[in-house]
């Protein structure tokens, strides 16, 4: 059960990483510029989401590895 919860958290944040990457790619194109007058702020928000999610993924991966080594 604990492993399933950790895997769910990891999957959630992997999706957030993919979403942030996709959003940054859109903002790099002219299509995204018209909708966001503060383009730097919008990209910064996506970078923060990306960084936070990567940190959580790393932590969960470490916990999952620790759980496997404990048995």
N, C-alpha and C. Protein backbone atom coordinates (compact mmCIF):
# COMPACT_ATOMS: atom_id res chain seq x y z
N UNK A 1 0.82 -1.20 0.00
CA UNK A 1 0.00 0.00 0.00
C UNK A 1 0.87 1.26 0.00
N UNK A 2 1.89 1.31 0.86
CA UNK A 2 2.75 2.48 0.92
C UNK A 2 3.44 2.70 -0.42
N UNK A 3 3.88 1.62 -1.04
CA UNK A 3 4.54 1.72 -2.33
C UNK A 3 3.58 2.28 -3.38
N UNK A 4 2.32 1.86 -3.36
CA UNK A 4 1.33 2.36 -4.31
C UNK A 4 1.11 3.87 -4.13
N UNK A 5 1.08 4.33 -2.90
CA UNK A 5 0.91 5.75 -2.63
C UNK A 5 2.10 6.55 -3.16
N UNK A 6 3.29 6.05 -2.92
CA UNK A 6 4.49 6.73 -3.41
C UNK A 6 4.54 6.74 -4.93
N UNK A 7 4.16 5.63 -5.55
CA UNK A 7 4.13 5.57 -7.01
C UNK A 7 3.12 6.56 -7.58
N UNK A 8 1.97 6.72 -6.90
CA UNK A 8 0.95 7.67 -7.34
C UNK A 8 1.48 9.11 -7.25
N UNK A 9 2.17 9.41 -6.17
CA UNK A 9 2.76 10.75 -6.02
C UNK A 9 3.79 10.99 -7.11
N UNK A 10 4.61 9.99 -7.38
CA UNK A 10 5.64 10.11 -8.42
C UNK A 10 5.00 10.34 -9.79
N UNK A 11 3.96 9.58 -10.10
CA UNK A 11 3.28 9.72 -11.39
C UNK A 11 2.64 11.11 -11.53
N UNK A 12 2.06 11.59 -10.45
CA UNK A 12 1.44 12.92 -10.46
C UNK A 12 2.47 13.99 -10.81
N UNK A 13 3.64 13.90 -10.21
CA UNK A 13 4.65 14.93 -10.44
C UNK A 13 5.39 14.73 -11.77
N UNK A 14 5.44 13.50 -12.26
CA UNK A 14 5.97 13.28 -13.61
C UNK A 14 5.07 13.97 -14.63
N UNK A 15 3.76 13.92 -14.40
CA UNK A 15 2.82 14.60 -15.29
C UNK A 15 2.99 16.12 -15.21
N UNK A 16 3.23 16.63 -14.00
CA UNK A 16 3.46 18.07 -13.85
C UNK A 16 4.73 18.51 -14.58
N UNK A 17 5.76 17.67 -14.55
CA UNK A 17 7.00 17.98 -15.27
C UNK A 17 6.73 18.06 -16.77
N UNK A 18 6.01 17.09 -17.29
CA UNK A 18 5.68 17.09 -18.72
C UNK A 18 4.83 18.31 -19.09
N UNK A 19 3.89 18.66 -18.21
CA UNK A 19 3.04 19.82 -18.46
C UNK A 19 3.86 21.11 -18.47
N UNK A 20 4.76 21.25 -17.53
CA UNK A 20 5.60 22.44 -17.46
C UNK A 20 6.48 22.55 -18.70
N UNK A 21 7.07 21.43 -19.12
CA UNK A 21 7.89 21.45 -20.34
C UNK A 21 7.07 21.88 -21.55
N UNK A 22 5.88 21.33 -21.67
CA UNK A 22 5.01 21.67 -22.80
C UNK A 22 4.64 23.15 -22.77
N UNK A 23 4.31 23.66 -21.60
CA UNK A 23 3.95 25.07 -21.48
C UNK A 23 5.12 25.97 -21.84
N UNK A 24 6.30 25.64 -21.39
CA UNK A 24 7.49 26.43 -21.72
C UNK A 24 7.72 26.43 -23.23
N UNK A 25 7.54 25.27 -23.86
CA UNK A 25 7.69 25.19 -25.32
C UNK A 25 6.68 26.08 -26.04
N UNK A 26 5.46 26.13 -25.53
CA UNK A 26 4.44 26.98 -26.14
C UNK A 26 4.81 28.45 -25.96
N UNK A 27 5.27 28.80 -24.76
CA UNK A 27 5.63 30.19 -24.49
C UNK A 27 6.79 30.66 -25.36
N UNK A 28 7.63 29.74 -25.79
CA UNK A 28 8.76 30.08 -26.65
C UNK A 28 8.31 30.45 -28.07
N UNK A 29 7.13 30.05 -28.42
CA UNK A 29 6.60 30.35 -29.76
C UNK A 29 5.71 31.59 -29.68
N UNK A 30 5.49 32.21 -30.77
CA UNK A 30 4.70 33.44 -30.80
C UNK A 30 3.25 33.22 -30.40
N UNK A 31 2.76 32.00 -30.47
CA UNK A 31 1.37 31.71 -30.12
C UNK A 31 1.10 32.06 -28.66
N UNK A 32 2.04 31.77 -27.78
CA UNK A 32 1.83 32.00 -26.35
C UNK A 32 2.05 33.42 -25.91
N UNK A 33 2.69 34.24 -26.70
CA UNK A 33 3.06 35.58 -26.27
C UNK A 33 1.84 36.49 -26.10
N UNK A 34 0.91 36.45 -27.02
CA UNK A 34 -0.25 37.32 -26.96
C UNK A 34 -1.11 37.12 -25.73
N UNK A 35 -1.15 35.93 -25.21
CA UNK A 35 -1.99 35.61 -24.06
C UNK A 35 -1.32 35.96 -22.74
N UNK A 36 -0.04 36.18 -22.71
CA UNK A 36 0.70 36.42 -21.48
C UNK A 36 1.59 37.65 -21.62
N UNK A 37 1.07 38.79 -21.16
CA UNK A 37 1.90 39.99 -21.26
C UNK A 37 3.17 39.90 -20.40
N UNK A 38 3.11 39.13 -19.31
CA UNK A 38 4.29 38.91 -18.47
C UNK A 38 4.86 37.54 -18.80
N UNK A 39 5.47 37.44 -19.95
CA UNK A 39 5.99 36.15 -20.43
C UNK A 39 7.06 35.59 -19.51
N UNK A 40 7.95 36.45 -19.03
CA UNK A 40 9.01 36.00 -18.13
C UNK A 40 8.39 35.41 -16.87
N UNK A 41 7.40 36.06 -16.31
CA UNK A 41 6.74 35.55 -15.11
C UNK A 41 6.04 34.23 -15.36
N UNK A 42 5.41 34.11 -16.52
CA UNK A 42 4.71 32.86 -16.86
C UNK A 42 5.69 31.71 -17.00
N UNK A 43 6.83 31.96 -17.65
CA UNK A 43 7.84 30.91 -17.81
C UNK A 43 8.46 30.59 -16.45
N UNK A 44 8.71 31.62 -15.64
CA UNK A 44 9.27 31.38 -14.31
C UNK A 44 8.36 30.50 -13.47
N UNK A 45 7.05 30.72 -13.54
CA UNK A 45 6.10 29.86 -12.81
C UNK A 45 6.23 28.41 -13.26
N UNK A 46 6.39 28.20 -14.57
CA UNK A 46 6.53 26.84 -15.08
C UNK A 46 7.85 26.21 -14.65
N UNK A 47 8.91 27.01 -14.61
CA UNK A 47 10.21 26.51 -14.14
C UNK A 47 10.11 26.12 -12.67
N UNK A 48 9.40 26.90 -11.87
CA UNK A 48 9.22 26.57 -10.45
C UNK A 48 8.45 25.26 -10.30
N UNK A 49 7.39 25.12 -11.08
CA UNK A 49 6.62 23.87 -11.04
C UNK A 49 7.50 22.70 -11.42
N UNK A 50 8.28 22.87 -12.48
CA UNK A 50 9.20 21.83 -12.94
C UNK A 50 10.19 21.46 -11.84
N UNK A 51 10.83 22.45 -11.25
CA UNK A 51 11.87 22.21 -10.24
C UNK A 51 11.28 21.54 -9.00
N UNK A 52 10.14 22.02 -8.54
CA UNK A 52 9.50 21.43 -7.36
C UNK A 52 9.11 19.98 -7.62
N UNK A 53 8.55 19.73 -8.78
CA UNK A 53 8.14 18.37 -9.11
C UNK A 53 9.33 17.44 -9.25
N UNK A 54 10.41 17.92 -9.86
CA UNK A 54 11.61 17.09 -9.98
C UNK A 54 12.18 16.75 -8.59
N UNK A 55 12.13 17.71 -7.68
CA UNK A 55 12.60 17.46 -6.32
C UNK A 55 11.76 16.39 -5.64
N UNK A 56 10.46 16.46 -5.82
CA UNK A 56 9.56 15.46 -5.23
C UNK A 56 9.79 14.09 -5.86
N UNK A 57 9.95 14.05 -7.18
CA UNK A 57 10.22 12.78 -7.86
C UNK A 57 11.49 12.15 -7.32
N UNK A 58 12.53 12.95 -7.15
CA UNK A 58 13.80 12.43 -6.61
C UNK A 58 13.62 11.88 -5.20
N UNK A 59 12.87 12.61 -4.38
CA UNK A 59 12.64 12.16 -3.01
C UNK A 59 11.84 10.86 -2.96
N UNK A 60 10.81 10.79 -3.77
CA UNK A 60 9.98 9.58 -3.80
C UNK A 60 10.79 8.40 -4.33
N UNK A 61 11.58 8.62 -5.34
CA UNK A 61 12.43 7.56 -5.89
C UNK A 61 13.39 7.05 -4.82
N UNK A 62 13.95 7.97 -4.06
CA UNK A 62 14.84 7.58 -2.96
C UNK A 62 14.10 6.76 -1.91
N UNK A 63 12.89 7.18 -1.57
CA UNK A 63 12.08 6.42 -0.61
C UNK A 63 11.73 5.04 -1.13
N UNK A 64 11.37 4.96 -2.40
CA UNK A 64 11.04 3.66 -2.98
C UNK A 64 12.25 2.73 -2.98
N UNK A 65 13.42 3.27 -3.30
CA UNK A 65 14.64 2.46 -3.27
C UNK A 65 14.97 2.02 -1.85
N UNK A 66 14.74 2.88 -0.88
CA UNK A 66 14.98 2.55 0.52
C UNK A 66 14.04 1.43 0.97
N UNK A 67 12.78 1.52 0.54
CA UNK A 67 11.81 0.49 0.89
C UNK A 67 12.22 -0.87 0.32
N UNK A 68 12.72 -0.89 -0.90
CA UNK A 68 13.14 -2.13 -1.54
C UNK A 68 14.37 -2.72 -0.86
N UNK A 69 15.28 -1.86 -0.43
CA UNK A 69 16.49 -2.33 0.23
C UNK A 69 16.23 -2.85 1.64
N UNK A 70 15.13 -2.40 2.26
CA UNK A 70 14.80 -2.78 3.63
C UNK A 70 14.31 -4.21 3.73
N UNK A 71 13.84 -4.76 2.60
CA UNK A 71 13.30 -6.13 2.65
C UNK A 71 14.34 -7.15 2.46
